Amino acid sequence: MARIQIITIVINFAFLLSIGWLILKGKLREEYAIVWLVCTVLLGIFAIWRDGLEVMARLFGVYEAPNLVFTGFIFLILIYLLHLSIVNSKLQKNVTRLAQEIALLKQENEEKAKKELNKE
């Protein structure tokens, strides 16, 4: 095994441990950690299997293996951005709904306070 393979495997293992630590500490949700875990495992597989990228490039009909890497990561980034946009939209709707509920509760409390003042 080449030195770069060993370094890559060690870094991948350290990265997997750090992802696990972030999940345990509650700083990273599991649904977002899956993307990082899959990418790290894929990099680990290609670090161990040196000809894997060439084999995958031939399988997909790509002439240069680095082009497969760039195309794959661009595709993954676009999918992940779409997912984050969906999550952001849901959160925006929730914030709007909560702001409306707070406004209604505030109005209700003010009306109750006025009624209590009128009674006295």
PDB file of N, CA and C in Angstrom:
ATOM      1  N   MET A   1       0.832  -1.174   0.000  1.00  0.00           N
ATOM      2  CA  MET A   1       0.000   0.000   0.000  1.00  0.00           C
ATOM      3  C   MET A   1       0.885   1.250   0.000  1.00  0.00           C
ATOM      4  N   ALA A   2       0.524   2.209  -0.805  1.00  0.00           N
ATOM      5  CA  ALA A   2       1.294   3.445  -0.918  1.00  0.00           C
ATOM      6  C   ALA A   2       1.039   4.335   0.296  1.00  0.00           C
ATOM      7  N   ARG A   3       1.980   5.229   0.529  1.00  0.00           N
ATOM      8  CA  ARG A   3       1.886   6.131   1.671  1.00  0.00           C
ATOM      9  C   ARG A   3       0.617   6.994   1.594  1.00  0.00           C
ATOM     10  N   ILE A   4       0.283   7.479   0.397  1.00  0.00           N
ATOM     11  CA  ILE A   4      -0.906   8.320   0.251  1.00  0.00           C
ATOM     12  C   ILE A   4      -2.179   7.550   0.593  1.00  0.00           C
ATOM     13  N   GLN A   5      -2.199   6.251   0.295  1.00  0.00           N
ATOM     14  CA  GLN A   5      -3.361   5.437   0.651  1.00  0.00           C
ATOM     15  C   GLN A   5      -3.511   5.339   2.168  1.00  0.00           C
ATOM     16  N   ILE A   6      -2.414   5.119   2.847  1.00  0.00           N
ATOM     17  CA  ILE A   6      -2.444   5.008   4.311  1.00  0.00           C
ATOM     18  C   ILE A   6      -2.881   6.334   4.928  1.00  0.00           C
ATOM     19  N   ILE A   7      -2.343   7.435   4.429  1.00  0.00           N
ATOM     20  CA  ILE A   7      -2.718   8.757   4.945  1.00  0.00           C
ATOM     21  C   ILE A   7      -4.208   9.007   4.716  1.00  0.00           C
ATOM     22  N   THR A   8      -4.699   8.674   3.525  1.00  0.00           N
ATOM     23  CA  THR A   8      -6.117   8.886   3.215  1.00  0.00           C
ATOM     24  C   THR A   8      -7.011   8.032   4.098  1.00  0.00           C
ATOM     25  N   ILE A   9      -6.634   6.800   4.333  1.00  0.00           N
ATOM     26  CA  ILE A   9      -7.423   5.913   5.185  1.00  0.00           C
ATOM     27  C   ILE A   9      -7.455   6.437   6.622  1.00  0.00           C
ATOM     28  N   VAL A  10      -6.321   6.890   7.128  1.00  0.00           N
ATOM     29  CA  VAL A  10      -6.269   7.426   8.493  1.00  0.00           C
ATOM     30  C   VAL A  10      -7.123   8.691   8.605  1.00  0.00           C
ATOM     31  N   ILE A  11      -7.031   9.576   7.616  1.00  0.00           N
ATOM     32  CA  ILE A  11      -7.825  10.811   7.642  1.00  0.00           C
ATOM     33  C   ILE A  11      -9.312  10.485   7.546  1.00  0.00           C
ATOM     34  N   ASN A  12      -9.674   9.530   6.684  1.00  0.00           N
ATOM     35  CA  ASN A  12     -11.082   9.122   6.585  1.00  0.00           C
ATOM     36  C   ASN A  12     -11.595   8.570   7.912  1.00  0.00           C
ATOM     37  N   PHE A  13     -10.800   7.751   8.570  1.00  0.00           N
ATOM     38  CA  PHE A  13     -11.200   7.185   9.850  1.00  0.00           C
ATOM     39  C   PHE A  13     -11.370   8.287  10.897  1.00  0.00           C
ATOM     40  N   ALA A  14     -10.433   9.239  10.920  1.00  0.00           N
ATOM     41  CA  ALA A  14     -10.532  10.366  11.862  1.00  0.00           C
ATOM     42  C   ALA A  14     -11.779  11.205  11.566  1.00  0.00           C
ATOM     43  N   PHE A  15     -12.081  11.385  10.289  1.00  0.00           N
ATOM     44  CA  PHE A  15     -13.262  12.160   9.907  1.00  0.00           C
ATOM     45  C   PHE A  15     -14.538  11.436  10.329  1.00  0.00           C
ATOM     46  N   LEU A  16     -14.574  10.104  10.162  1.00  0.00           N
ATOM     47  CA  LEU A  16     -15.726   9.320  10.616  1.00  0.00           C
ATOM     48  C   LEU A  16     -15.925   9.450  12.123  1.00  0.00           C
ATOM     49  N   LEU A  17     -14.819   9.422  12.870  1.00  0.00           N
ATOM     50  CA  LEU A  17     -14.910   9.595  14.318  1.00  0.00           C
ATOM     51  C   LEU A  17     -15.426  10.983  14.683  1.00  0.00           C
ATOM     52  N   SER A  18     -14.962  12.003  13.962  1.00  0.00           N
ATOM     53  CA  SER A  18     -15.418  13.359  14.271  1.00  0.00           C
ATOM     54  C   SER A  18     -16.903  13.537  13.938  1.00  0.00           C
ATOM     55  N   ILE A  19     -17.365  12.910  12.879  1.00  0.00           N
ATOM     56  CA  ILE A  19     -18.796  12.965  12.545  1.00  0.00           C
ATOM     57  C   ILE A  19     -19.603  12.284  13.658  1.00  0.00           C
ATOM     58  N   GLY A  20     -19.144  11.126  14.100  1.00  0.00           N
ATOM     59  CA  GLY A  20     -19.820  10.440  15.201  1.00  0.00           C
ATOM     60  C   GLY A  20     -19.840  11.277  16.470  1.00  0.00           C
ATOM     61  N   TRP A  21     -18.754  11.937  16.764  1.00  0.00           N
ATOM     62  CA  TRP A  21     -18.666  12.791  17.947  1.00  0.00           C
ATOM     63  C   TRP A  21     -19.653  13.964  17.850  1.00  0.00           C
ATOM     64  N   LEU A  22     -19.727  14.578  16.668  1.00  0.00           N
ATOM     65  CA  LEU A  22     -20.662  15.694  16.473  1.00  0.00           C
ATOM     66  C   LEU A  22     -22.113  15.236  16.631  1.00  0.00           C
ATOM     67  N   ILE A  23     -22.408  14.025  16.183  1.00  0.00           N
ATOM     68  CA  ILE A  23     -23.763  13.490  16.347  1.00  0.00           C
ATOM     69  C   ILE A  23     -24.063  13.262  17.830  1.00  0.00           C
ATOM     70  N   LEU A  24     -23.106  12.670  18.539  1.00  0.00           N
ATOM     71  CA  LEU A  24     -23.309  12.407  19.964  1.00  0.00           C
ATOM     72  C   LEU A  24     -23.463  13.688  20.775  1.00  0.00           C
ATOM     73  N   LYS A  25     -22.737  14.725  20.402  1.00  0.00           N
ATOM     74  CA  LYS A  25     -22.821  16.009  21.114  1.00  0.00           C
ATOM     75  C   LYS A  25     -24.077  16.795  20.732  1.00  0.00           C
ATOM     76  N   GLY A  26     -24.794  16.337  19.711  1.00  0.00           N
ATOM     77  CA  GLY A  26     -26.014  17.022  19.285  1.00  0.00           C
ATOM     78  C   GLY A  26     -25.767  18.219  18.393  1.00  0.00           C
ATOM     79  N   LYS A  27     -24.566  18.345  17.860  1.00  0.00           N
ATOM     80  CA  LYS A  27     -24.247  19.472  16.988  1.00  0.00           C
ATOM     81  C   LYS A  27     -24.520  19.185  15.519  1.00  0.00           C
ATOM     82  N   LEU A  28     -24.745  17.914  15.200  1.00  0.00           N
ATOM     83  CA  LEU A  28     -25.029  17.513  13.824  1.00  0.00           C
ATOM     84  C   LEU A  28     -26.169  16.502  13.856  1.00  0.00           C
ATOM     85  N   ARG A  29     -27.213  16.807  13.111  1.00  0.00           N
ATOM     86  CA  ARG A  29     -28.351  15.890  13.059  1.00  0.00           C
ATOM     87  C   ARG A  29     -28.025  14.714  12.148  1.00  0.00           C
ATOM     88  N   GLU A  30     -28.671  13.584  12.433  1.00  0.00           N
ATOM     89  CA  GLU A  30     -28.392  12.355  11.700  1.00  0.00           C
ATOM     90  C   GLU A  30     -28.714  12.485  10.224  1.00  0.00           C
ATOM     91  N   GLU A  31     -29.782  13.185   9.895  1.00  0.00           N
ATOM     92  CA  GLU A  31     -30.174  13.291   8.486  1.00  0.00           C
ATOM     93  C   GLU A  31     -29.118  14.025   7.660  1.00  0.00           C
ATOM     94  N   TYR A  32     -28.387  14.953   8.276  1.00  0.00           N
ATOM     95  CA  TYR A  32     -27.329  15.650   7.556  1.00  0.00           C
ATOM     96  C   TYR A  32     -26.016  14.883   7.606  1.00  0.00           C
ATOM     97  N   ALA A  33     -25.844  14.075   8.637  1.00  0.00           N
ATOM     98  CA  ALA A  33     -24.613  13.306   8.779  1.00  0.00           C
ATOM     99  C   ALA A  33     -24.515  12.193   7.746  1.00  0.00           C
ATOM    100  N   ILE A  34     -25.651  11.732   7.247  1.00  0.00           N
ATOM    101  CA  ILE A  34     -25.648  10.633   6.278  1.00  0.00           C
ATOM    102  C   ILE A  34     -24.853  11.013   5.037  1.00  0.00           C
ATOM    103  N   VAL A  35     -25.018  12.232   4.573  1.00  0.00           N
ATOM    104  CA  VAL A  35     -24.288  12.681   3.381  1.00  0.00           C
ATOM    105  C   VAL A  35     -22.790  12.637   3.640  1.00  0.00           C
ATOM    106  N   TRP A  36     -22.374  13.134   4.801  1.00  0.00           N
ATOM    107  CA  TRP A  36     -20.945  13.140   5.131  1.00  0.00           C
ATOM    108  C   TRP A  36     -20.415  11.716   5.290  1.00  0.00           C
ATOM    109  N   LEU A  37     -21.194  10.865   5.904  1.00  0.00           N
ATOM    110  CA  LEU A  37     -20.748   9.485   6.093  1.00  0.00           C
ATOM    111  C   LEU A  37     -20.597   8.748   4.764  1.00  0.00           C
ATOM    112  N   VAL A  38     -21.567   8.926   3.873  1.00  0.00           N
ATOM    113  CA  VAL A  38     -21.509   8.251   2.568  1.00  0.00           C
ATOM    114  C   VAL A  38     -20.299   8.743   1.770  1.00  0.00           C
ATOM    115  N   CYS A  39     -20.078  10.044   1.752  1.00  0.00           N
ATOM    116  CA  CYS A  39     -18.922  10.583   1.015  1.00  0.00           C
ATOM    117  C   CYS A  39     -17.608  10.081   1.591  1.00  0.00           C
ATOM    118  N   THR A  40     -17.518  10.030   2.908  1.00  0.00           N
ATOM    119  CA  THR A  40     -16.294   9.549   3.550  1.00  0.00           C
ATOM    120  C   THR A  40     -16.056   8.077   3.264  1.00  0.00           C
ATOM    121  N   VAL A  41     -17.122   7.276   3.304  1.00  0.00           N
ATOM    122  CA  VAL A  41     -16.977   5.847   3.010  1.00  0.00           C
ATOM    123  C   VAL A  41     -16.559   5.648   1.546  1.00  0.00           C
ATOM    124  N   LEU A  42     -17.162   6.410   0.631  1.00  0.00           N
ATOM    125  CA  LEU A  42     -16.772   6.303  -0.780  1.00  0.00           C
ATOM    126  C   LEU A  42     -15.306   6.668  -0.992  1.00  0.00           C
ATOM    127  N   LEU A  43     -14.869   7.737  -0.342  1.00  0.00           N
ATOM    128  CA  LEU A  43     -13.453   8.108  -0.456  1.00  0.00           C
ATOM    129  C   LEU A  43     -12.557   7.024   0.136  1.00  0.00           C
ATOM    130  N   GLY A  44     -13.009   6.415   1.222  1.00  0.00           N
ATOM    131  CA  GLY A  44     -12.237   5.322   1.820  1.00  0.00           C
ATOM    132  C   GLY A  44     -12.151   4.110   0.898  1.00  0.00           C
ATOM    133  N   ILE A  45     -13.259   3.801   0.224  1.00  0.00           N
ATOM    134  CA  ILE A  45     -13.250   2.675  -0.719  1.00  0.00           C
ATOM    135  C   ILE A  45     -12.267   2.935  -1.852  1.00  0.00           C
ATOM    136  N   PHE A  46     -12.312   4.138  -2.407  1.00  0.00           N
ATOM    137  CA  PHE A  46     -11.395   4.453  -3.501  1.00  0.00           C
ATOM    138  C   PHE A  46      -9.954   4.605  -3.031  1.00  0.00           C
ATOM    139  N   ALA A  47      -9.742   4.888  -1.742  1.00  0.00           N
ATOM    140  CA  ALA A  47      -8.380   4.931  -1.208  1.00  0.00           C
ATOM    141  C   ALA A  47      -7.800   3.522  -1.114  1.00  0.00           C
ATOM    142  N   ILE A  48      -8.647   2.566  -0.775  1.00  0.00           N
ATOM    143  CA  ILE A  48      -8.186   1.177  -0.672  1.00  0.00           C
ATOM    144  C   ILE A  48      -8.082   0.546  -2.052  1.00  0.00           C
ATOM    145  N   TRP A  49      -9.069   0.753  -2.883  1.00  0.00           N
ATOM    146  CA  TRP A  49      -9.142   0.158  -4.230  1.00  0.00           C
ATOM    147  C   TRP A  49      -8.649   1.190  -5.243  1.00  0.00           C
ATOM    148  N   ARG A  50      -7.376   1.159  -5.548  1.00  0.00           N
ATOM    149  CA  ARG A  50      -6.744   2.198  -6.368  1.00  0.00           C
ATOM    150  C   ARG A  50      -7.295   2.281  -7.785  1.00  0.00           C
ATOM    151  N   ASP A  51      -7.634   1.152  -8.385  1.00  0.00           N
ATOM    152  CA  ASP A  51      -8.132   1.167  -9.762  1.00  0.00           C
ATOM    153  C   ASP A  51      -9.651   1.347  -9.823  1.00  0.00           C
ATOM    154  N   GLY A  52     -10.269   1.526  -8.685  1.00  0.00           N
ATOM    155  CA  GLY A  52     -11.718   1.636  -8.630  1.00  0.00           C
ATOM    156  C   GLY A  52     -12.275   2.792  -9.427  1.00  0.00           C
ATOM    157  N   LEU A  53     -11.594   3.917  -9.397  1.00  0.00           N
ATOM    158  CA  LEU A  53     -12.077   5.078 -10.126  1.00  0.00           C
ATOM    159  C   LEU A  53     -12.023   4.840 -11.632  1.00  0.00           C
ATOM    160  N   GLU A  54     -10.966   4.200 -12.097  1.00  0.00           N
ATOM    161  CA  GLU A  54     -10.863   3.874 -13.528  1.00  0.00           C
ATOM    162  C   GLU A  54     -11.957   2.884 -13.951  1.00  0.00           C
ATOM    163  N   VAL A  55     -12.214   1.899 -13.101  1.00  0.00           N
ATOM    164  CA  VAL A  55     -13.254   0.908 -13.395  1.00  0.00           C
ATOM    165  C   VAL A  55     -14.624   1.581 -13.456  1.00  0.00           C
ATOM    166  N   MET A  56     -14.910   2.448 -12.497  1.00  0.00           N
ATOM    167  CA  MET A  56     -16.189   3.155 -12.476  1.00  0.00           C
ATOM    168  C   MET A  56     -16.330   4.089 -13.684  1.00  0.00           C
ATOM    169  N   ALA A  57     -15.229   4.726 -14.080  1.00  0.00           N
ATOM    170  CA  ALA A  57     -15.273   5.617 -15.241  1.00  0.00           C
ATOM    171  C   ALA A  57     -15.593   4.819 -16.507  1.00  0.00           C
ATOM    172  N   ARG A  58     -14.963   3.671 -16.669  1.00  0.00           N
ATOM    173  CA  ARG A  58     -15.266   2.831 -17.828  1.00  0.00           C
ATOM    174  C   ARG A  58     -16.694   2.326 -17.794  1.00  0.00           C
ATOM    175  N   LEU A  59     -17.183   1.995 -16.596  1.00  0.00           N
ATOM    176  CA  LEU A  59     -18.547   1.504 -16.444  1.00  0.00           C
ATOM    177  C   LEU A  59     -19.572   2.554 -16.878  1.00  0.00           C
ATOM    178  N   PHE A  60     -19.317   3.817 -16.546  1.00  0.00           N
ATOM    179  CA  PHE A  60     -20.237   4.897 -16.906  1.00  0.00           C
ATOM    180  C   PHE A  60     -19.930   5.515 -18.260  1.00  0.00           C
ATOM    181  N   GLY A  61     -18.893   5.061 -18.920  1.00  0.00           N
ATOM    182  CA  GLY A  61     -18.554   5.565 -20.246  1.00  0.00           C
ATOM    183  C   GLY A  61     -17.858   6.914 -20.233  1.00  0.00           C
ATOM    184  N   VAL A  62     -17.189   7.244 -19.146  1.00  0.00           N
ATOM    185  CA  VAL A  62     -16.459   8.504 -19.037  1.00  0.00           C
ATOM    186  C   VAL A  62     -15.006   8.238 -19.438  1.00  0.00           C
ATOM    187  N   TYR A  63     -14.472   9.095 -20.308  1.00  0.00           N
ATOM    188  CA  TYR A  63     -13.125   8.854 -20.832  1.00  0.00           C
ATOM    189  C   TYR A  63     -12.029   9.149 -19.813  1.00  0.00           C
ATOM    190  N   GLU A  64     -12.206  10.169 -19.027  1.00  0.00           N
ATOM    191  CA  GLU A  64     -11.211  10.526 -18.013  1.00  0.00           C
ATOM    192  C   GLU A  64     -11.831  10.367 -16.628  1.00  0.00           C
ATOM    193  N   ALA A  65     -11.182   9.603 -15.774  1.00  0.00           N
ATOM    194  CA  ALA A  65     -11.716   9.316 -14.439  1.00  0.00           C
ATOM    195  C   ALA A  65     -11.937  10.572 -13.583  1.00  0.00           C
ATOM    196  N   PRO A  66     -11.033  11.559 -13.607  1.00  0.00           N
ATOM    197  CA  PRO A  66     -11.291  12.772 -12.812  1.00  0.00           C
ATOM    198  C   PRO A  66     -12.587  13.489 -13.213  1.00  0.00           C
ATOM    199  N   ASN A  67     -12.984  13.392 -14.482  1.00  0.00           N
ATOM    200  CA  ASN A  67     -14.249  13.994 -14.893  1.00  0.00           C
ATOM    201  C   ASN A  67     -15.430  13.330 -14.197  1.00  0.00           C
ATOM    202  N   LEU A  68     -15.325  12.034 -13.948  1.00  0.00           N
ATOM    203  CA  LEU A  68     -16.378  11.324 -13.220  1.00  0.00           C
ATOM    204  C   LEU A  68     -16.484  11.851 -11.797  1.00  0.00           C
ATOM    205  N   VAL A  69     -15.358  12.122 -11.174  1.00  0.00           N
ATOM    206  CA  VAL A  69     -15.356  12.652  -9.806  1.00  0.00           C
ATOM    207  C   VAL A  69     -16.042  14.015  -9.773  1.00  0.00           C
ATOM    208  N   PHE A  70     -15.650  14.908 -10.677  1.00  0.00           N
ATOM    209  CA  PHE A  70     -16.237  16.248 -10.705  1.00  0.00           C
ATOM    210  C   PHE A  70     -17.738  16.193 -11.015  1.00  0.00           C
ATOM    211  N   THR A  71     -18.114  15.392 -11.991  1.00  0.00           N
ATOM    212  CA  THR A  71     -19.523  15.280 -12.351  1.00  0.00           C
ATOM    213  C   THR A  71     -20.330  14.701 -11.195  1.00  0.00           C
ATOM    214  N   GLY A  72     -19.802  13.672 -10.563  1.00  0.00           N
ATOM    215  CA  GLY A  72     -20.497  13.065  -9.429  1.00  0.00           C
ATOM    216  C   GLY A  72     -20.687  14.032  -8.271  1.00  0.00           C
ATOM    217  N   PHE A  73     -19.627  14.773  -7.952  1.00  0.00           N
ATOM    218  CA  PHE A  73     -19.747  15.705  -6.838  1.00  0.00           C
ATOM    219  C   PHE A  73     -20.643  16.893  -7.172  1.00  0.00           C
ATOM    220  N   ILE A  74     -20.628  17.352  -8.404  1.00  0.00           N
ATOM    221  CA  ILE A  74     -21.547  18.424  -8.796  1.00  0.00           C
ATOM    222  C   ILE A  74     -22.982  17.944  -8.666  1.00  0.00           C
ATOM    223  N   PHE A  75     -23.252  16.727  -9.105  1.00  0.00           N
ATOM    224  CA  PHE A  75     -24.589  16.156  -8.987  1.00  0.00           C
ATOM    225  C   PHE A  75     -25.009  16.029  -7.524  1.00  0.00           C
ATOM    226  N   LEU A  76     -24.115  15.537  -6.669  1.00  0.00           N
ATOM    227  CA  LEU A  76     -24.421  15.401  -5.244  1.00  0.00           C
ATOM    228  C   LEU A  76     -24.662  16.760  -4.594  1.00  0.00           C
ATOM    229  N   ILE A  77     -23.874  17.752  -4.972  1.00  0.00           N
ATOM    230  CA  ILE A  77     -24.054  19.091  -4.406  1.00  0.00           C
ATOM    231  C   ILE A  77     -25.411  19.655  -4.801  1.00  0.00           C
ATOM    232  N   LEU A  78     -25.808  19.458  -6.051  1.00  0.00           N
ATOM    233  CA  LEU A  78     -27.109  19.952  -6.486  1.00  0.00           C
ATOM    234  C   LEU A  78     -28.254  19.269  -5.733  1.00  0.00           C
ATOM    235  N   ILE A  79     -28.149  17.975  -5.531  1.00  0.00           N
ATOM    236  CA  ILE A  79     -29.182  17.252  -4.782  1.00  0.00           C
ATOM    237  C   ILE A  79     -29.223  17.746  -3.338  1.00  0.00           C
ATOM    238  N   TYR A  80     -28.070  17.937  -2.752  1.00  0.00           N
ATOM    239  CA  TYR A  80     -28.011  18.398  -1.360  1.00  0.00           C
ATOM    240  C   TYR A  80     -28.554  19.824  -1.227  1.00  0.00           C
ATOM    241  N   LEU A  81     -28.250  20.676  -2.188  1.00  0.00           N
ATOM    242  CA  LEU A  81     -28.797  22.033  -2.165  1.00  0.00           C
ATOM    243  C   LEU A  81     -30.314  22.023  -2.298  1.00  0.00           C
ATOM    244  N   LEU A  82     -30.847  21.138  -3.120  1.00  0.00           N
ATOM    245  CA  LEU A  82     -32.296  21.010  -3.236  1.00  0.00           C
ATOM    246  C   LEU A  82     -32.902  20.581  -1.898  1.00  0.00           C
ATOM    247  N   HIS A  83     -32.270  19.609  -1.259  1.00  0.00           N
ATOM    248  CA  HIS A  83     -32.745  19.148   0.056  1.00  0.00           C
ATOM    249  C   HIS A  83     -32.725  20.291   1.067  1.00  0.00           C
ATOM    250  N   LEU A  84     -31.646  21.061   1.100  1.00  0.00           N
ATOM    251  CA  LEU A  84     -31.557  22.169   2.041  1.00  0.00           C
ATOM    252  C   LEU A  84     -32.584  23.253   1.725  1.00  0.00           C
ATOM    253  N   SER A  85     -32.892  23.460   0.458  1.00  0.00           N
ATOM    254  CA  SER A  85     -33.918  24.430   0.086  1.00  0.00           C
ATOM    255  C   SER A  85     -35.291  23.987   0.579  1.00  0.00           C
ATOM    256  N   ILE A  86     -35.566  22.697   0.484  1.00  0.00           N
ATOM    257  CA  ILE A  86     -36.838  22.165   0.974  1.00  0.00           C
ATOM    258  C   ILE A  86     -36.934  22.336   2.486  1.00  0.00           C
ATOM    259  N   VAL A  87     -35.851  22.006   3.195  1.00  0.00           N
ATOM    260  CA  VAL A  87     -35.838  22.155   4.653  1.00  0.00           C
ATOM    261  C   VAL A  87     -36.009  23.623   5.025  1.00  0.00           C
ATOM    262  N   ASN A  88     -35.336  24.508   4.318  1.00  0.00           N
ATOM    263  CA  ASN A  88     -35.433  25.940   4.586  1.00  0.00           C
ATOM    264  C   ASN A  88     -36.859  26.443   4.360  1.00  0.00           C
ATOM    265  N   SER A  89     -37.501  25.973   3.314  1.00  0.00           N
ATOM    266  CA  SER A  89     -38.882  26.384   3.037  1.00  0.00           C
ATOM    267  C   SER A  89     -39.820  25.945   4.155  1.00  0.00           C
ATOM    268  N   LYS A  90     -39.648  24.720   4.629  1.00  0.00           N
ATOM    269  CA  LYS A  90     -40.480  24.238   5.735  1.00  0.00           C
ATOM    270  C   LYS A  90     -40.263  25.077   6.988  1.00  0.00           C
ATOM    271  N   LEU A  91     -39.001  25.387   7.271  1.00  0.00           N
ATOM    272  CA  LEU A  91     -38.703  26.196   8.449  1.00  0.00           C
ATOM    273  C   LEU A  91     -39.296  27.599   8.325  1.00  0.00           C
ATOM    274  N   GLN A  92     -39.251  28.170   7.134  1.00  0.00           N
ATOM    275  CA  GLN A  92     -39.826  29.497   6.911  1.00  0.00           C
ATOM    276  C   GLN A  92     -41.329  29.489   7.157  1.00  0.00           C
ATOM    277  N   LYS A  93     -42.010  28.448   6.685  1.00  0.00           N
ATOM    278  CA  LYS A  93     -43.447  28.329   6.940  1.00  0.00           C
ATOM    279  C   LYS A  93     -43.727  28.202   8.433  1.00  0.00           C
ATOM    280  N   ASN A  94     -42.912  27.412   9.133  1.00  0.00           N
ATOM    281  CA  ASN A  94     -43.094  27.252  10.575  1.00  0.00           C
ATOM    282  C   ASN A  94     -42.876  28.557  11.322  1.00  0.00           C
ATOM    283  N   VAL A  95     -41.872  29.321  10.922  1.00  0.00           N
ATOM    284  CA  VAL A  95     -41.597  30.608  11.567  1.00  0.00           C
ATOM    285  C   VAL A  95     -42.762  31.559  11.350  1.00  0.00           C
ATOM    286  N   THR A  96     -43.297  31.603  10.139  1.00  0.00           N
ATOM    287  CA  THR A  96     -44.441  32.470   9.847  1.00  0.00           C
ATOM    288  C   THR A  96     -45.644  32.072  10.685  1.00  0.00           C
ATOM    289  N   ARG A  97     -45.917  30.778  10.758  1.00  0.00           N
ATOM    290  CA  ARG A  97     -47.054  30.294  11.540  1.00  0.00           C
ATOM    291  C   ARG A  97     -46.871  30.617  13.015  1.00  0.00           C
ATOM    292  N   LEU A  98     -45.663  30.421  13.546  1.00  0.00           N
ATOM    293  CA  LEU A  98     -45.409  30.725  14.954  1.00  0.00           C
ATOM    294  C   LEU A  98     -45.534  32.220  15.236  1.00  0.00           C
ATOM    295  N   ALA A  99     -45.065  33.052  14.321  1.00  0.00           N
ATOM    296  CA  ALA A  99     -45.196  34.500  14.503  1.00  0.00           C
ATOM    297  C   ALA A  99     -46.668  34.907  14.525  1.00  0.00           C
ATOM    298  N   GLN A 100     -47.473  34.304  13.679  1.00  0.00           N
ATOM    299  CA  GLN A 100     -48.907  34.601  13.670  1.00  0.00           C
ATOM    300  C   GLN A 100     -49.572  34.147  14.966  1.00  0.00           C
ATOM    301  N   GLU A 101     -49.211  32.964  15.444  1.00  0.00           N
ATOM    302  CA  GLU A 101     -49.775  32.476  16.698  1.00  0.00           C
ATOM    303  C   GLU A 101     -49.377  33.361  17.864  1.00  0.00           C
ATOM    304  N   ILE A 102     -48.145  33.820  17.885  1.00  0.00           N
ATOM    305  CA  ILE A 102     -47.690  34.710  18.955  1.00  0.00           C
ATOM    306  C   ILE A 102     -48.448  36.024  18.900  1.00  0.00           C
ATOM    307  N   ALA A 103     -48.664  36.539  17.694  1.00  0.00           N
ATOM    308  CA  ALA A 103     -49.418  37.788  17.561  1.00  0.00           C
ATOM    309  C   ALA A 103     -50.843  37.623  18.071  1.00  0.00           C
ATOM    310  N   LEU A 104     -51.470  36.485  17.762  1.00  0.00           N
ATOM    311  CA  LEU A 104     -52.824  36.237  18.255  1.00  0.00           C
ATOM    312  C   LEU A 104     -52.851  36.108  19.776  1.00  0.00           C
ATOM    313  N   LEU A 105     -51.894  35.417  20.337  1.00  0.00           N
ATOM    314  CA  LEU A 105     -51.831  35.279  21.798  1.00  0.00           C
ATOM    315  C   LEU A 105     -51.582  36.625  22.471  1.00  0.00           C
ATOM    316  N   LYS A 106     -50.725  37.428  21.876  1.00  0.00           N
ATOM    317  CA  LYS A 106     -50.445  38.757  22.421  1.00  0.00           C
ATOM    318  C   LYS A 106     -51.712  39.611  22.397  1.00  0.00           C
ATOM    319  N   GLN A 107     -52.445  39.560  21.304  1.00  0.00           N
ATOM    320  CA  GLN A 107     -53.692  40.311  21.191  1.00  0.00           C
ATOM    321  C   GLN A 107     -54.703  39.821  22.227  1.00  0.00           C
ATOM    322  N   GLU A 108     -54.793  38.524  22.399  1.00  0.00           N
ATOM    323  CA  GLU A 108     -55.715  37.936  23.379  1.00  0.00           C
ATOM    324  C   GLU A 108     -55.348  38.363  24.795  1.00  0.00           C
ATOM    325  N   ASN A 109     -54.062  38.374  25.109  1.00  0.00           N
ATOM    326  CA  ASN A 109     -53.610  38.801  26.442  1.00  0.00           C
ATOM    327  C   ASN A 109     -53.902  40.273  26.682  1.00  0.00           C
ATOM    328  N   GLU A 110     -53.713  41.095  25.655  1.00  0.00           N
ATOM    329  CA  GLU A 110     -54.005  42.519  25.794  1.00  0.00           C
ATOM    330  C   GLU A 110     -55.492  42.752  26.033  1.00  0.00           C
ATOM    331  N   GLU A 111     -56.342  42.005  25.344  1.00  0.00           N
ATOM    332  CA  GLU A 111     -57.794  42.128  25.540  1.00  0.00           C
ATOM    333  C   GLU A 111     -58.191  41.699  26.951  1.00  0.00           C
ATOM    334  N   LYS A 112     -57.589  40.635  27.460  1.00  0.00           N
ATOM    335  CA  LYS A 112     -57.870  40.184  28.821  1.00  0.00           C
ATOM    336  C   LYS A 112     -57.408  41.221  29.834  1.00  0.00           C
ATOM    337  N   ALA A 113     -56.270  41.804  29.585  1.00  0.00           N
ATOM    338  CA  ALA A 113     -55.755  42.825  30.503  1.00  0.00           C
ATOM    339  C   ALA A 113     -56.673  44.045  30.512  1.00  0.00           C
ATOM    340  N   LYS A 114     -57.199  44.449  29.364  1.00  0.00           N
ATOM    341  CA  LYS A 114     -58.120  45.583  29.293  1.00  0.00           C
ATOM    342  C   LYS A 114     -59.420  45.268  30.039  1.00  0.00           C
ATOM    343  N   LYS A 115     -59.921  44.063  29.901  1.00  0.00           N
ATOM    344  CA  LYS A 115     -61.147  43.665  30.598  1.00  0.00           C
ATOM    345  C   LYS A 115     -60.951  43.689  32.099  1.00  0.00           C
ATOM    346  N   GLU A 116     -59.791  43.218  32.569  1.00  0.00           N
ATOM    347  CA  GLU A 116     -59.487  43.223  33.995  1.00  0.00           C
ATOM    348  C   GLU A 116     -59.379  44.644  34.523  1.00  0.00           C
ATOM    349  N   LEU A 117     -58.804  45.550  33.735  1.00  0.00           N
ATOM    350  CA  LEU A 117     -58.703  46.945  34.153  1.00  0.00           C
ATOM    351  C   LEU A 117     -60.062  47.593  34.216  1.00  0.00           C
ATOM    352  N   ASN A 118     -60.945  47.263  33.306  1.00  0.00           N
ATOM    353  CA  ASN A 118     -62.308  47.814  33.291  1.00  0.00           C
ATOM    354  C   ASN A 118     -63.130  47.305  34.471  1.00  0.00           C
ATOM    355  N   LYS A 119     -62.864  46.093  34.927  1.00  0.00           N
ATOM    356  CA  LYS A 119     -63.589  45.530  36.072  1.00  0.00           C
ATOM    357  C   LYS A 119     -63.234  46.255  37.355  1.00  0.00           C
ATOM    358  N   GLU A 120     -62.006  46.691  37.446  1.00  0.00           N
ATOM    359  CA  GLU A 120     -61.538  47.328  38.685  1.00  0.00           C
ATOM    360  C   GLU A 120     -61.949  48.731  38.727  1.00  0.00           C
TER     361      GLU A 120
END
